[in-house]
Amino acid sequence: MNESWVTVVGNAATRPDFWETAVGVAVARFRLAVTVRRWDRGRDAWADAYTSFYTVWTWRSLAANVAGSVSLGEPLVVHGTLRVREREWDRDRDRERDRPLQGDGGGAAAAAPGVDSGGGANQPRRWVTAEIDALAVGHDLTRGTSAFRRISQAKPLLNALTGATSP
């Protein structure tokens, strides 16, 4: 199956959540806000358009590095595979489930979270999520981070528990 590879530039919208799976694999997750900028000829200046949000998933040593070096609001560059899914919340059954996103022949595929899908109070709510399984995450130095902190899979920066640094 073909995967959609993306490189996205945005800002960390949440602090990374970090945990280890039952088998000891490190996982970190955070939200990335990406705001489109357009040239406004009337004002002769750049203007913000709309903002898209992505959930970024990182694994193993990249997860540890992200958890130790990414903070809220920092400009980041994320590279990985894009996964778009339709989510559904059925209030009658009080559960959430994922479904593969299916095209609907030209209209919008789903409503935003909290927006009724048009069928009334008893209808399930549907929305679309966009997630990136990150292969690389880095600070966007062109947009002025306060300090350069390397994020890579190869060398962890700092082990917060022991205080040891990598070479």
Protein backbone atom coordinates (compact mmCIF):
# COMPACT_ATOMS: atom_id res chain seq x y z
CA MET A 1 0.00 0.00 0.00
CA ASN A 2 1.27 3.47 -0.84
CA GLU A 3 1.71 5.89 2.01
CA SER A 4 1.52 9.66 1.84
CA TRP A 5 4.81 11.17 3.03
CA VAL A 6 4.58 14.75 4.25
CA THR A 7 6.87 17.42 5.64
CA VAL A 8 4.95 19.93 7.73
CA VAL A 9 6.12 23.19 9.32
CA GLY A 10 4.16 24.44 12.32
CA ASN A 11 4.13 25.07 16.06
CA ALA A 12 3.71 22.61 18.93
CA ALA A 13 0.11 23.13 20.05
CA THR A 14 0.45 20.85 23.10
CA ARG A 15 3.24 19.57 25.28
CA PRO A 16 4.32 16.04 24.33
CA ASP A 17 2.71 13.16 26.23
CA PHE A 18 5.28 10.43 26.89
CA TRP A 19 4.77 6.81 27.99
CA GLU A 20 6.08 3.31 27.43
CA THR A 21 4.02 0.46 26.04
CA ALA A 22 3.63 -2.85 27.89
CA VAL A 23 6.62 -4.24 25.97
CA GLY A 24 8.81 -1.23 26.78
CA VAL A 25 8.57 0.80 23.55
CA ALA A 26 8.73 4.57 24.16
CA VAL A 27 5.90 6.63 22.63
CA ALA A 28 5.37 10.39 22.54
CA ARG A 29 2.41 12.25 21.09
CA PHE A 30 1.76 15.96 20.59
CA ARG A 31 -0.44 18.23 18.48
CA LEU A 32 1.04 20.42 15.75
CA ALA A 33 -0.70 23.59 14.55
CA VAL A 34 0.02 24.57 10.94
CA THR A 35 -1.18 28.01 9.86
CA VAL A 36 -1.31 28.90 6.19
CA ARG A 37 0.00 32.38 5.35
CA ARG A 38 -1.03 34.27 2.26
CA TRP A 39 0.07 37.53 0.71
CA ASP A 40 -2.61 40.21 1.14
CA ARG A 41 -2.23 42.60 -1.79
CA GLY A 42 -4.63 45.12 -0.28
CA ARG A 43 -2.52 45.57 2.87
CA ASP A 44 0.76 44.72 1.12
CA ALA A 45 1.62 42.26 3.91
CA TRP A 46 1.45 38.59 4.85
CA ALA A 47 -1.75 37.48 6.59
CA ASP A 48 -2.71 34.27 8.39
CA ALA A 49 -5.37 32.18 6.67
CA TYR A 50 -6.62 28.94 8.28
CA THR A 51 -4.98 26.58 10.79
CA SER A 52 -4.83 22.78 10.48
CA PHE A 53 -4.02 20.52 13.43
CA TYR A 54 -2.16 17.21 13.26
CA THR A 55 -1.54 14.63 15.96
CA VAL A 56 2.14 13.67 15.70
CA TRP A 57 3.18 10.20 16.91
CA THR A 58 6.84 9.40 17.63
CA TRP A 59 8.38 6.10 18.70
CA ARG A 60 11.47 4.74 20.47
CA SER A 61 14.48 7.10 20.77
CA LEU A 62 12.76 9.82 18.74
CA ALA A 63 9.94 9.77 21.31
CA ALA A 64 12.39 10.22 24.17
CA ASN A 65 14.09 13.11 22.38
CA VAL A 66 10.79 14.81 21.55
CA ALA A 67 9.59 14.48 25.15
CA GLY A 68 12.83 16.00 26.42
CA SER A 69 13.20 18.86 23.98
CA VAL A 70 9.84 20.01 22.57
CA SER A 71 7.77 22.52 24.49
CA LEU A 72 4.52 24.34 23.86
CA GLY A 73 4.59 26.87 21.02
CA GLU A 74 7.98 25.94 19.56
CA PRO A 75 8.34 26.10 15.77
CA LEU A 76 8.93 22.59 14.41
CA VAL A 77 9.46 20.69 11.17
CA VAL A 78 7.89 17.20 11.11
CA HIS A 79 8.47 14.56 8.44
CA GLY A 80 6.54 11.29 8.32
CA THR A 81 3.57 9.39 6.94
CA LEU A 82 0.14 10.97 6.91
CA ARG A 83 -2.91 9.01 8.09
CA VAL A 84 -6.40 10.50 7.77
CA ARG A 85 -9.29 8.71 9.45
CA GLU A 86 -12.96 9.33 9.99
CA ARG A 87 -13.97 9.08 13.64
CA GLU A 88 -17.46 8.46 14.93
CA TRP A 89 -18.98 8.93 18.39
CA ASP A 90 -22.23 7.07 18.97
CA ARG A 91 -23.91 8.61 22.00
CA ASP A 92 -26.44 5.78 22.32
CA ARG A 93 -23.67 3.21 22.59
CA ASP A 94 -21.31 5.64 24.41
CA ARG A 95 -18.24 4.63 22.43
CA GLU A 96 -15.88 5.92 19.80
CA ARG A 97 -14.68 4.01 16.77
CA ASP A 98 -12.38 4.55 13.83
CA ARG A 99 -13.30 3.98 10.23
CA PRO A 100 -11.16 4.31 7.12
CA LEU A 101 -11.95 7.58 5.35
CA GLN A 102 -14.18 6.97 2.34
CA GLY A 103 -14.82 9.61 -0.29
CA ASP A 104 -18.42 10.75 -0.58
CA GLY A 105 -18.38 11.75 -4.22
CA GLY A 106 -17.39 15.38 -3.87
CA GLY A 107 -18.81 16.74 -0.63
CA ALA A 108 -17.14 17.06 2.73
CA ALA A 109 -16.26 13.68 4.20
CA ALA A 110 -17.22 14.51 7.76
CA ALA A 111 -18.21 17.20 10.19
CA ALA A 112 -15.89 18.79 12.72
CA PRO A 113 -15.87 17.54 16.31
CA GLY A 114 -18.91 18.71 18.19
CA VAL A 115 -20.81 19.54 15.01
CA ASP A 116 -23.97 17.57 14.43
CA SER A 117 -23.76 15.56 11.22
CA GLY A 118 -27.24 16.71 10.27
CA GLY A 119 -29.35 13.80 11.46
CA GLY A 120 -30.57 15.21 14.76
CA ALA A 121 -29.84 14.50 18.40
CA ASN A 122 -29.74 10.70 18.14
CA GLN A 123 -27.35 10.54 15.19
CA PRO A 124 -23.66 9.73 15.75
CA ARG A 125 -21.19 12.58 15.45
CA ARG A 126 -18.45 12.22 12.85
CA TRP A 127 -15.20 14.05 12.27
CA VAL A 128 -11.88 13.61 10.49
CA THR A 129 -8.52 13.25 12.23
CA ALA A 130 -5.14 13.78 10.62
CA GLU A 131 -2.17 12.02 12.20
CA ILE A 132 1.50 11.87 11.28
CA ASP A 133 3.72 8.92 12.19
CA ALA A 134 6.93 10.92 12.44
CA LEU A 135 10.23 9.72 11.09
CA ALA A 136 11.99 13.00 11.95
CA VAL A 137 11.16 16.04 14.10
CA GLY A 138 13.34 19.14 14.28
CA HIS A 139 13.24 22.72 15.46
CA ASP A 140 12.58 25.26 12.72
CA LEU A 141 15.55 27.56 13.18
CA THR A 142 14.42 29.92 10.41
CA ARG A 143 11.52 31.01 12.61
CA GLY A 144 13.62 31.84 15.66
CA THR A 145 13.75 29.25 18.40
CA SER A 146 15.33 30.58 21.57
CA ALA A 147 18.02 27.90 21.55
CA PHE A 148 18.99 25.09 19.23
CA ARG A 149 18.23 21.66 20.64
CA ARG A 150 18.90 18.68 18.42
CA ILE A 151 16.13 16.15 17.95
CA SER A 152 17.08 12.99 16.12
CA GLN A 153 16.71 9.25 16.36
CA ALA A 154 20.44 8.71 16.57
CA LYS A 155 21.46 10.57 19.74
CA PRO A 156 19.23 11.34 22.71
CA LEU A 157 19.85 14.76 24.24
CA LEU A 158 19.34 14.27 27.91
CA ASN A 159 18.11 11.50 30.11
CA ALA A 160 15.89 13.45 32.49
CA LEU A 161 16.03 10.75 35.16
CA THR A 162 19.81 10.33 35.35
CA GLY A 163 20.93 13.73 34.11
CA ALA A 164 23.37 12.09 31.67
CA THR A 165 23.95 13.83 28.36
CA SER A 166 24.84 12.30 25.03
CA PRO A 167 28.07 13.16 23.21
